[in-house]
PDB file of N, CA and C in Angstrom:
ATOM      1  N   MET A   1     111.446 116.940 125.179  1.00  0.00           N
ATOM      2  CA  MET A   1     112.753 117.289 124.989  1.00  0.00           C
ATOM      3  C   MET A   1     113.864 116.360 124.773  1.00  0.00           C
ATOM      4  N   LEU A   2     113.382 115.393 125.870  1.00  0.00           N
ATOM      5  CA  LEU A   2     114.440 114.464 126.204  1.00  0.00           C
ATOM      6  C   LEU A   2     114.211 112.970 125.035  1.00  0.00           C
ATOM      7  N   ILE A   3     112.823 112.992 124.629  1.00  0.00           N
ATOM      8  CA  ILE A   3     112.641 111.907 123.547  1.00  0.00           C
ATOM      9  C   ILE A   3     113.519 112.428 122.429  1.00  0.00           C
ATOM     10  N   LEU A   4     112.928 113.722 121.905  1.00  0.00           N
ATOM     11  CA  LEU A   4     113.909 114.217 121.062  1.00  0.00           C
ATOM     12  C   LEU A   4     115.771 114.055 121.020  1.00  0.00           C
ATOM     13  N   THR A   5     115.810 114.452 121.811  1.00  0.00           N
ATOM     14  CA  THR A   5     117.351 114.446 122.278  1.00  0.00           C
ATOM     15  C   THR A   5     117.947 112.610 121.658  1.00  0.00           C
ATOM     16  N   ALA A   6     117.258 111.860 122.348  1.00  0.00           N
ATOM     17  CA  ALA A   6     117.400 110.620 122.432  1.00  0.00           C
ATOM     18  C   ALA A   6     117.293 110.245 120.949  1.00  0.00           C
ATOM     19  N   ILE A   7     116.312 110.488 120.044  1.00  0.00           N
ATOM     20  CA  ILE A   7     116.096 110.316 118.488  1.00  0.00           C
ATOM     21  C   ILE A   7     117.212 110.627 117.819  1.00  0.00           C
ATOM     22  N   LYS A   8     117.802 111.959 118.063  1.00  0.00           N
ATOM     23  CA  LYS A   8     119.167 112.192 117.518  1.00  0.00           C
ATOM     24  C   LYS A   8     120.327 111.714 118.030  1.00  0.00           C
ATOM     25  N   ALA A   9     120.461 111.589 119.179  1.00  0.00           N
ATOM     26  CA  ALA A   9     121.666 111.271 119.782  1.00  0.00           C
ATOM     27  C   ALA A   9     121.867 109.640 120.460  1.00  0.00           C
ATOM     28  N   ASP A  10     120.914 109.203 120.811  1.00  0.00           N
ATOM     29  CA  ASP A  10     121.019 107.865 121.297  1.00  0.00           C
ATOM     30  C   ASP A  10     119.941 106.819 121.389  1.00  0.00           C
ATOM     31  N   ARG A  11     119.398 106.502 120.126  1.00  0.00           N
ATOM     32  CA  ARG A  11     118.284 105.771 119.688  1.00  0.00           C
ATOM     33  C   ARG A  11     118.013 104.758 120.691  1.00  0.00           C
ATOM     34  N   SER A  12     119.020 103.936 121.154  1.00  0.00           N
ATOM     35  CA  SER A  12     118.578 102.811 122.144  1.00  0.00           C
ATOM     36  C   SER A  12     117.909 103.108 123.066  1.00  0.00           C
ATOM     37  N   ARG A  13     117.733 104.549 123.660  1.00  0.00           N
ATOM     38  CA  ARG A  13     117.081 104.935 124.895  1.00  0.00           C
ATOM     39  C   ARG A  13     115.757 105.530 124.632  1.00  0.00           C
ATOM     40  N   VAL A  14     115.143 105.490 123.085  1.00  0.00           N
ATOM     41  CA  VAL A  14     113.966 106.158 123.026  1.00  0.00           C
ATOM     42  C   VAL A  14     112.981 105.345 123.547  1.00  0.00           C
ATOM     43  N   MET A  15     112.962 104.194 123.290  1.00  0.00           N
ATOM     44  CA  MET A  15     111.632 103.226 123.811  1.00  0.00           C
ATOM     45  C   MET A  15     111.356 103.404 125.542  1.00  0.00           C
ATOM     46  N   GLU A  16     112.843 103.680 126.042  1.00  0.00           N
ATOM     47  CA  GLU A  16     113.109 103.312 127.445  1.00  0.00           C
ATOM     48  C   GLU A  16     111.933 104.740 127.886  1.00  0.00           C
ATOM     49  N   TYR A  17     112.328 106.011 127.213  1.00  0.00           N
ATOM     50  CA  TYR A  17     111.877 107.435 127.478  1.00  0.00           C
ATOM     51  C   TYR A  17     110.558 107.485 127.109  1.00  0.00           C
ATOM     52  N   ILE A  18     109.900 106.734 126.225  1.00  0.00           N
ATOM     53  CA  ILE A  18     108.452 106.642 125.930  1.00  0.00           C
ATOM     54  C   ILE A  18     107.799 105.789 126.864  1.00  0.00           C
ATOM     55  N   ASN A  19     108.343 104.910 127.240  1.00  0.00           N
ATOM     56  CA  ASN A  19     107.361 104.161 128.418  1.00  0.00           C
ATOM     57  C   ASN A  19     107.506 104.954 129.719  1.00  0.00           C
ATOM     58  N   ARG A  20     108.702 105.299 130.035  1.00  0.00           N
ATOM     59  CA  ARG A  20     108.573 106.346 131.313  1.00  0.00           C
ATOM     60  C   ARG A  20     107.701 107.568 131.335  1.00  0.00           C
ATOM     61  N   LEU A  21     108.040 108.574 130.354  1.00  0.00           N
ATOM     62  CA  LEU A  21     107.548 109.721 130.295  1.00  0.00           C
ATOM     63  C   LEU A  21     105.924 109.644 129.794  1.00  0.00           C
ATOM     64  N   ASP A  22     105.414 110.654 130.365  1.00  0.00           N
ATOM     65  CA  ASP A  22     103.890 110.688 129.917  1.00  0.00           C
ATOM     66  C   ASP A  22     103.361 112.138 129.382  1.00  0.00           C
ATOM     67  N   ASN A  23     104.273 113.359 129.718  1.00  0.00           N
ATOM     68  CA  ASN A  23     103.669 114.673 129.433  1.00  0.00           C
ATOM     69  C   ASN A  23     104.391 114.934 128.135  1.00  0.00           C
ATOM     70  N   TYR A  24     104.301 114.659 126.904  1.00  0.00           N
ATOM     71  CA  TYR A  24     104.352 115.310 125.772  1.00  0.00           C
ATOM     72  C   TYR A  24     103.690 115.155 124.681  1.00  0.00           C
ATOM     73  N   ASP A  25     104.010 115.550 123.645  1.00  0.00           N
ATOM     74  CA  ASP A  25     103.084 115.830 122.424  1.00  0.00           C
ATOM     75  C   ASP A  25     103.110 114.744 121.696  1.00  0.00           C
ATOM     76  N   ALA A  26     102.437 113.690 122.069  1.00  0.00           N
ATOM     77  CA  ALA A  26     102.544 111.909 121.477  1.00  0.00           C
ATOM     78  C   ALA A  26     102.461 112.557 119.887  1.00  0.00           C
ATOM     79  N   PRO A  27     101.571 112.981 119.231  1.00  0.00           N
ATOM     80  CA  PRO A  27     101.615 112.763 117.593  1.00  0.00           C
ATOM     81  C   PRO A  27     102.459 113.639 116.903  1.00  0.00           C
ATOM     82  N   ASP A  28     103.030 114.685 117.576  1.00  0.00           N
ATOM     83  CA  ASP A  28     104.347 115.093 117.035  1.00  0.00           C
ATOM     84  C   ASP A  28     105.835 114.305 117.240  1.00  0.00           C
ATOM     85  N   ILE A  29     105.912 113.880 118.104  1.00  0.00           N
ATOM     86  CA  ILE A  29     106.985 113.140 118.718  1.00  0.00           C
ATOM     87  C   ILE A  29     107.276 111.694 117.621  1.00  0.00           C
ATOM     88  N   ALA A  30     105.825 111.409 117.652  1.00  0.00           N
ATOM     89  CA  ALA A  30     105.654 109.865 116.586  1.00  0.00           C
ATOM     90  C   ALA A  30     106.156 110.227 115.494  1.00  0.00           C
ATOM     91  N   ASN A  31     105.464 111.442 114.820  1.00  0.00           N
ATOM     92  CA  ASN A  31     105.995 111.640 113.626  1.00  0.00           C
ATOM     93  C   ASN A  31     107.412 111.823 113.178  1.00  0.00           C
ATOM     94  N   ILE A  32     108.018 112.577 114.253  1.00  0.00           N
ATOM     95  CA  ILE A  32     109.387 112.605 114.198  1.00  0.00           C
ATOM     96  C   ILE A  32     110.443 111.244 114.179  1.00  0.00           C
ATOM     97  N   ALA A  33     109.705 110.615 115.160  1.00  0.00           N
ATOM     98  CA  ALA A  33     110.363 109.010 115.046  1.00  0.00           C
ATOM     99  C   ALA A  33     110.262 108.434 113.865  1.00  0.00           C
ATOM    100  N   ILE A  34     109.287 108.422 113.040  1.00  0.00           N
ATOM    101  CA  ILE A  34     108.689 108.061 112.006  1.00  0.00           C
ATOM    102  C   ILE A  34     109.685 108.536 110.845  1.00  0.00           C
ATOM    103  N   SER A  35     110.120 109.775 111.098  1.00  0.00           N
ATOM    104  CA  SER A  35     111.016 110.473 109.974  1.00  0.00           C
ATOM    105  C   SER A  35     112.372 110.142 110.114  1.00  0.00           C
ATOM    106  N   SER A  36     112.432 109.506 111.280  1.00  0.00           N
ATOM    107  CA  SER A  36     113.967 109.112 111.736  1.00  0.00           C
ATOM    108  C   SER A  36     114.172 107.548 111.761  1.00  0.00           C
ATOM    109  N   GLU A  37     112.888 106.804 111.196  1.00  0.00           N
ATOM    110  CA  GLU A  37     112.719 105.332 110.801  1.00  0.00           C
ATOM    111  C   GLU A  37     112.763 104.721 112.035  1.00  0.00           C
ATOM    112  N   LEU A  38     112.505 105.404 113.206  1.00  0.00           N
ATOM    113  CA  LEU A  38     112.230 104.417 114.542  1.00  0.00           C
ATOM    114  C   LEU A  38     110.457 104.026 114.256  1.00  0.00           C
ATOM    115  N   TYR A  39     110.095 103.418 113.735  1.00  0.00           N
ATOM    116  CA  TYR A  39     108.562 103.002 113.575  1.00  0.00           C
ATOM    117  C   TYR A  39     108.296 102.159 114.659  1.00  0.00           C
ATOM    118  N   GLU A  40     109.075 101.421 115.479  1.00  0.00           N
ATOM    119  CA  GLU A  40     108.414 100.656 116.619  1.00  0.00           C
ATOM    120  C   GLU A  40     108.418 101.496 117.811  1.00  0.00           C
ATOM    121  N   GLU A  41     109.193 102.571 117.762  1.00  0.00           N
ATOM    122  CA  GLU A  41     108.949 103.615 118.828  1.00  0.00           C
ATOM    123  C   GLU A  41     107.833 104.277 118.636  1.00  0.00           C
ATOM    124  N   ALA A  42     107.454 105.005 116.963  1.00  0.00           N
ATOM    125  CA  ALA A  42     106.164 105.677 116.872  1.00  0.00           C
ATOM    126  C   ALA A  42     104.971 104.964 117.119  1.00  0.00           C
ATOM    127  N   PHE A  43     105.285 103.626 116.902  1.00  0.00           N
ATOM    128  CA  PHE A  43     103.894 102.652 117.154  1.00  0.00           C
ATOM    129  C   PHE A  43     103.559 102.505 118.580  1.00  0.00           C
ATOM    130  N   ALA A  44     104.718 102.751 119.382  1.00  0.00           N
ATOM    131  CA  ALA A  44     104.493 102.371 121.019  1.00  0.00           C
ATOM    132  C   ALA A  44     104.094 103.810 121.468  1.00  0.00           C
ATOM    133  N   ILE A  45     104.248 105.124 120.875  1.00  0.00           N
ATOM    134  CA  ILE A  45     103.739 106.198 121.401  1.00  0.00           C
ATOM    135  C   ILE A  45     102.119 106.158 120.899  1.00  0.00           C
ATOM    136  N   PHE A  46     102.104 106.111 119.651  1.00  0.00           N
ATOM    137  CA  PHE A  46     100.449 106.143 119.329  1.00  0.00           C
ATOM    138  C   PHE A  46      99.413 105.244 120.208  1.00  0.00           C
ATOM    139  N   ARG A  47     100.364 103.999 120.602  1.00  0.00           N
ATOM    140  CA  ARG A  47      99.595 102.984 121.451  1.00  0.00           C
ATOM    141  C   ARG A  47      99.488 103.345 122.631  1.00  0.00           C
ATOM    142  N   LYS A  48     100.348 103.972 123.116  1.00  0.00           N
ATOM    143  CA  LYS A  48     100.310 104.503 124.650  1.00  0.00           C
ATOM    144  C   LYS A  48      99.218 105.680 124.762  1.00  0.00           C
ATOM    145  N   PHE A  49      99.302 106.552 123.567  1.00  0.00           N
ATOM    146  CA  PHE A  49      98.127 107.823 123.841  1.00  0.00           C
ATOM    147  C   PHE A  49      96.725 107.489 123.125  1.00  0.00           C
ATOM    148  N   GLU A  50      96.826 106.283 122.864  1.00  0.00           N
ATOM    149  CA  GLU A  50      95.261 105.611 122.155  1.00  0.00           C
ATOM    150  C   GLU A  50      95.002 106.538 120.870  1.00  0.00           C
ATOM    151  N   VAL A  51      95.992 106.547 120.138  1.00  0.00           N
ATOM    152  CA  VAL A  51      95.890 107.317 118.681  1.00  0.00           C
ATOM    153  C   VAL A  51      95.861 106.063 118.014  1.00  0.00           C
ATOM    154  N   ASN A  52      94.934 105.221 117.711  1.00  0.00           N
ATOM    155  CA  ASN A  52      94.941 104.045 117.132  1.00  0.00           C
ATOM    156  C   ASN A  52      95.084 104.122 115.481  1.00  0.00           C
ATOM    157  N   THR A  53      94.009 105.033 114.963  1.00  0.00           N
ATOM    158  CA  THR A  53      94.405 104.939 113.763  1.00  0.00           C
ATOM    159  C   THR A  53      95.922 105.461 113.047  1.00  0.00           C
ATOM    160  N   SER A  54      96.632 106.203 113.693  1.00  0.00           N
ATOM    161  CA  SER A  54      97.794 106.397 113.364  1.00  0.00           C
ATOM    162  C   SER A  54      98.828 105.417 113.596  1.00  0.00           C
ATOM    163  N   ALA A  55      98.672 104.550 114.879  1.00  0.00           N
ATOM    164  CA  ALA A  55      99.311 103.555 115.082  1.00  0.00           C
ATOM    165  C   ALA A  55      99.300 102.448 113.875  1.00  0.00           C
ATOM    166  N   ILE A  56      97.791 102.130 113.504  1.00  0.00           N
ATOM    167  CA  ILE A  56      97.827 101.322 112.345  1.00  0.00           C
ATOM    168  C   ILE A  56      98.522 101.780 111.044  1.00  0.00           C
ATOM    169  N   GLN A  57      98.343 102.877 110.991  1.00  0.00           N
ATOM    170  CA  GLN A  57      99.091 103.337 109.751  1.00  0.00           C
ATOM    171  C   GLN A  57     100.735 103.309 109.692  1.00  0.00           C
ATOM    172  N   ALA A  58     101.484 103.528 111.107  1.00  0.00           N
ATOM    173  CA  ALA A  58     102.616 103.415 111.175  1.00  0.00           C
ATOM    174  C   ALA A  58     102.963 101.771 111.102  1.00  0.00           C
ATOM    175  N   SER A  59     102.025 100.784 111.532  1.00  0.00           N
ATOM    176  CA  SER A  59     102.202  99.700 111.277  1.00  0.00           C
ATOM    177  C   SER A  59     102.339  98.717 109.900  1.00  0.00           C
ATOM    178  N   VAL A  60     101.295  99.541 109.320  1.00  0.00           N
ATOM    179  CA  VAL A  60     101.285  99.128 107.721  1.00  0.00           C
ATOM    180  C   VAL A  60     102.540  99.500 107.033  1.00  0.00           C
ATOM    181  N   HIS A  61     102.720 100.995 107.452  1.00  0.00           N
ATOM    182  CA  HIS A  61     104.096 101.564 106.618  1.00  0.00           C
ATOM    183  C   HIS A  61     105.093 100.672 106.570  1.00  0.00           C
ATOM    184  N   ARG A  62     105.347  99.929 107.861  1.00  0.00           N
ATOM    185  CA  ARG A  62     106.629  98.944 108.076  1.00  0.00           C
ATOM    186  C   ARG A  62     106.170  97.453 108.177  1.00  0.00           C
ATOM    187  N   ASN A  63     105.184  97.282 107.793  1.00  0.00           N
ATOM    188  CA  ASN A  63     104.611  95.525 107.807  1.00  0.00           C
ATOM    189  C   ASN A  63     104.898  95.101 108.810  1.00  0.00           C
ATOM    190  N   PHE A  64     104.520  96.043 109.840  1.00  0.00           N
ATOM    191  CA  PHE A  64     104.548  95.224 111.237  1.00  0.00           C
ATOM    192  C   PHE A  64     103.053  94.674 111.599  1.00  0.00           C
ATOM    193  N   TYR A  65     102.519  93.766 110.542  1.00  0.00           N
ATOM    194  CA  TYR A  65     101.318  92.822 110.782  1.00  0.00           C
ATOM    195  C   TYR A  65     101.005  92.140 112.153  1.00  0.00           C
ATOM    196  N   SER A  66     102.162  91.849 112.988  1.00  0.00           N
ATOM    197  CA  SER A  66     101.647  91.431 114.408  1.00  0.00           C
ATOM    198  C   SER A  66     101.021  92.410 115.068  1.00  0.00           C
ATOM    199  N   HIS A  67     101.408  93.794 114.783  1.00  0.00           N
ATOM    200  CA  HIS A  67     100.640  94.742 115.524  1.00  0.00           C
ATOM    201  C   HIS A  67      99.279  95.009 115.227  1.00  0.00           C
ATOM    202  N   LEU A  68      98.885  94.858 113.826  1.00  0.00           N
ATOM    203  CA  LEU A  68      97.770  94.958 113.303  1.00  0.00           C
ATOM    204  C   LEU A  68      96.959  93.979 113.954  1.00  0.00           C
ATOM    205  N   TYR A  69      97.544  92.541 114.075  1.00  0.00           N
ATOM    206  CA  TYR A  69      96.720  91.353 114.541  1.00  0.00           C
ATOM    207  C   TYR A  69      96.040  91.919 116.178  1.00  0.00           C
ATOM    208  N   VAL A  70      97.028  92.782 117.192  1.00  0.00           N
ATOM    209  CA  VAL A  70      96.665  93.059 118.227  1.00  0.00           C
ATOM    210  C   VAL A  70      95.293  93.948 118.317  1.00  0.00           C
ATOM    211  N   PHE A  71      95.556  94.889 117.295  1.00  0.00           N
ATOM    212  CA  PHE A  71      94.141  95.590 117.096  1.00  0.00           C
ATOM    213  C   PHE A  71      92.881  95.063 116.589  1.00  0.00           C
ATOM    214  N   TYR A  72      93.242  94.053 115.296  1.00  0.00           N
ATOM    215  CA  TYR A  72      91.981  93.295 115.219  1.00  0.00           C
ATOM    216  C   TYR A  72      91.610  92.662 116.407  1.00  0.00           C
ATOM    217  N   SER A  73      92.238  92.050 117.126  1.00  0.00           N
ATOM    218  CA  SER A  73      91.495  91.119 118.148  1.00  0.00           C
ATOM    219  C   SER A  73      91.008  92.122 119.323  1.00  0.00           C
ATOM    220  N   ARG A  74      91.292  93.383 119.690  1.00  0.00           N
ATOM    221  CA  ARG A  74      90.468  94.136 120.480  1.00  0.00           C
ATOM    222  C   ARG A  74      89.317  94.741 119.653  1.00  0.00           C
ATOM    223  N   LEU A  75      89.376  95.110 118.254  1.00  0.00           N
ATOM    224  CA  LEU A  75      87.913  95.388 117.798  1.00  0.00           C
ATOM    225  C   LEU A  75      87.240  94.051 117.794  1.00  0.00           C
ATOM    226  N   TYR A  76      87.442  92.861 117.617  1.00  0.00           N
ATOM    227  CA  TYR A  76      86.989  91.978 117.618  1.00  0.00           C
ATOM    228  C   TYR A  76      85.822  91.761 118.689  1.00  0.00           C
ATOM    229  N   VAL A  77      86.593  91.734 119.810  1.00  0.00           N
ATOM    230  CA  VAL A  77      86.033  91.589 121.249  1.00  0.00           C
ATOM    231  C   VAL A  77      85.123  92.876 121.335  1.00  0.00           C
ATOM    232  N   PHE A  78      85.515  94.112 121.017  1.00  0.00           N
ATOM    233  CA  PHE A  78      84.742  95.072 121.367  1.00  0.00           C
ATOM    234  C   PHE A  78      83.521  95.047 120.408  1.00  0.00           C
ATOM    235  N   TYR A  79      83.617  94.823 118.923  1.00  0.00           N
ATOM    236  CA  TYR A  79      82.393  94.672 118.032  1.00  0.00           C
ATOM    237  C   TYR A  79      81.279  93.468 118.688  1.00  0.00           C
ATOM    238  N   SER A  80      82.113  92.410 119.186  1.00  0.00           N
ATOM    239  CA  SER A  80      81.241  91.200 119.623  1.00  0.00           C
ATOM    240  C   SER A  80      80.294  91.357 121.019  1.00  0.00           C
ATOM    241  N   ARG A  81      81.214  92.460 121.705  1.00  0.00           N
ATOM    242  CA  ARG A  81      80.094  92.825 123.020  1.00  0.00           C
ATOM    243  C   ARG A  81      79.284  93.841 122.913  1.00  0.00           C
ATOM    244  N   LEU A  82      79.608  94.766 121.871  1.00  0.00           N
ATOM    245  CA  LEU A  82      78.584  95.655 121.307  1.00  0.00           C
ATOM    246  C   LEU A  82      77.285  94.791 120.619  1.00  0.00           C
ATOM    247  N   TYR A  83      77.579  94.141 119.748  1.00  0.00           N
ATOM    248  CA  TYR A  83      76.579  93.462 119.217  1.00  0.00           C
ATOM    249  C   TYR A  83      75.767  92.419 120.036  1.00  0.00           C
ATOM    250  N   VAL A  84      76.313  92.044 121.106  1.00  0.00           N
ATOM    251  CA  VAL A  84      75.369  91.143 122.103  1.00  0.00           C
ATOM    252  C   VAL A  84      74.603  92.276 122.952  1.00  0.00           C
ATOM    253  N   ALA A  85      75.291  93.405 123.183  1.00  0.00           N
ATOM    254  CA  ALA A  85      74.351  94.513 123.972  1.00  0.00           C
ATOM    255  C   ALA A  85      73.385  95.013 123.536  1.00  0.00           C
ATOM    256  N   LEU A  86      73.598  95.212 121.970  1.00  0.00           N
ATOM    257  CA  LEU A  86      72.365  95.839 121.407  1.00  0.00           C
ATOM    258  C   LEU A  86      71.529  94.922 121.174  1.00  0.00           C
ATOM    259  N   ILE A  87      71.601  93.439 120.839  1.00  0.00           N
ATOM    260  CA  ILE A  87      70.489  92.559 120.921  1.00  0.00           C
ATOM    261  C   ILE A  87      69.661  92.532 122.010  1.00  0.00           C
ATOM    262  N   LEU A  88      70.334  92.367 123.176  1.00  0.00           N
ATOM    263  CA  LEU A  88      69.885  92.267 124.468  1.00  0.00           C
ATOM    264  C   LEU A  88      69.324  93.235 124.962  1.00  0.00           C
ATOM    265  N   PHE A  89      69.313  94.691 124.452  1.00  0.00           N
ATOM    266  CA  PHE A  89      68.798  95.835 125.084  1.00  0.00           C
ATOM    267  C   PHE A  89      68.041  96.596 124.230  1.00  0.00           C
ATOM    268  N   THR A  90      67.929  96.317 122.926  1.00  0.00           N
ATOM    269  CA  THR A  90      66.874  96.982 121.983  1.00  0.00           C
ATOM    270  C   THR A  90      65.702  96.549 121.984  1.00  0.00           C
ATOM    271  N   ASP A  91      65.364  95.396 121.449  1.00  0.00           N
ATOM    272  CA  ASP A  91      63.934  94.905 121.148  1.00  0.00           C
ATOM    273  C   ASP A  91      64.001  93.574 121.684  1.00  0.00           C
ATOM    274  N   SER A  92      62.682  93.116 122.352  1.00  0.00           N
ATOM    275  CA  SER A  92      62.617  91.799 122.770  1.00  0.00           C
ATOM    276  C   SER A  92      62.386  90.831 121.727  1.00  0.00           C
ATOM    277  N   SER A  93      61.624  91.288 120.697  1.00  0.00           N
ATOM    278  CA  SER A  93      61.550  90.439 119.651  1.00  0.00           C
ATOM    279  C   SER A  93      62.723  89.409 118.968  1.00  0.00           C
ATOM    280  N   LEU A  94      63.727  91.094 118.949  1.00  0.00           N
ATOM    281  CA  LEU A  94      65.253  90.283 118.514  1.00  0.00           C
ATOM    282  C   LEU A  94      65.882  89.092 119.337  1.00  0.00           C
ATOM    283  N   GLN A  95      65.447  89.196 120.468  1.00  0.00           N
ATOM    284  CA  GLN A  95      65.867  88.312 121.542  1.00  0.00           C
ATOM    285  C   GLN A  95      65.201  86.746 121.445  1.00  0.00           C
ATOM    286  N   THR A  96      64.159  86.946 120.929  1.00  0.00           N
ATOM    287  CA  THR A  96      63.052  85.744 120.837  1.00  0.00           C
ATOM    288  C   THR A  96      63.606  85.163 119.523  1.00  0.00           C
ATOM    289  N   ILE A  97      64.195  85.754 118.575  1.00  0.00           N
ATOM    290  CA  ILE A  97      64.766  85.195 117.385  1.00  0.00           C
ATOM    291  C   ILE A  97      65.645  84.681 117.575  1.00  0.00           C
ATOM    292  N   LEU A  98      66.527  85.202 118.164  1.00  0.00           N
ATOM    293  CA  LEU A  98      67.920  84.884 118.468  1.00  0.00           C
ATOM    294  C   LEU A  98      67.959  83.712 119.197  1.00  0.00           C
ATOM    295  N   CYS A  99      66.918  83.472 120.181  1.00  0.00           N
ATOM    296  CA  CYS A  99      66.835  82.200 120.994  1.00  0.00           C
ATOM    297  C   CYS A  99      66.514  80.852 120.334  1.00  0.00           C
ATOM    298  N   TYR A 100      65.813  81.389 119.178  1.00  0.00           N
ATOM    299  CA  TYR A 100      65.270  80.280 118.469  1.00  0.00           C
ATOM    300  C   TYR A 100      66.536  79.839 117.179  1.00  0.00           C
ATOM    301  N   ARG A 101      67.187  80.429 116.852  1.00  0.00           N
ATOM    302  CA  ARG A 101      68.289  80.332 116.022  1.00  0.00           C
ATOM    303  C   ARG A 101      69.465  79.422 116.638  1.00  0.00           C
ATOM    304  N   THR A 102      69.716  79.667 117.943  1.00  0.00           N
ATOM    305  CA  THR A 102      70.860  79.058 118.457  1.00  0.00           C
ATOM    306  C   THR A 102      70.612  77.429 119.265  1.00  0.00           C
TER     307      THR A 102
END
């Protein structure tokens, strides 16, 4: 309720409330923020509650490509680690092939 009131009355405090409060319906509040053209705040909500697909959509909507770079770098690290784990723990013949390739 406090965040909704701030969206309508005092937009400068919305980000502060987003960062301080934890118990609210994130997708609904973020969509209200988007409809009120508070895209940065919506992105912060989506990121805080790890609704990554919606955060990316909010970023694309307002051309916040620097935010997309953050997600890309996290995905790159994740998939790199996943790739290494799959190779190391699945088949020893794959390990042998990779040892000779490097």
